[in-house]
């Protein structure tokens, strides 16, 4: 389409028809609109409608009412007037990482990078992953190991569906400062 202005022909901007993705934390919910924060950038609005499909690894019947403020989501859809009309909304599992400070039963106490404490509860269905052991088990985790857990956070306890872990390398020599 060409537009004429003062005798000069100018091409109109093309409509972008490709899907877009927004990843972030739900900051508020108003009706069928989710306000999402993406790091330090501006908040964005994700619109949902009757055609939006909500998915989660652990819940095949997820709906908008299952999404809560504080949840991490990935939304895929089309931009309309500066808002994303979502075709799909994926509820991301909670995750946390840190150093194991104690082990009680099947629960790991960890100190996160920010210095806060968290309990990581495991169950018989929790999968354990480490680089060097394809058959890793809970018993392989030791105090001092660094873990990354994925699951469901409830208060100060994350019930893990997956725990990856490693033993930090011992610092020796001139780089052992702060050991």
Foldseek 3Di string as FASTA:
>chain_A
DWDADPRDTDDDDDFDDDKDKDKAFFADDDPQWTWGDDPPDDIAIEGEDPQEAEDEPVDNPDDPVVDDGGWIKMFMAGDDPRHGHGNYIYTFFDKFKAFFADDDDQKTWGQGPVRDIAIEHEDPQAAEAEDPDPRDDSVVDDGQKIKMFTAHDDPRYGHGNYIYIDHDDQDDDPPNPPD
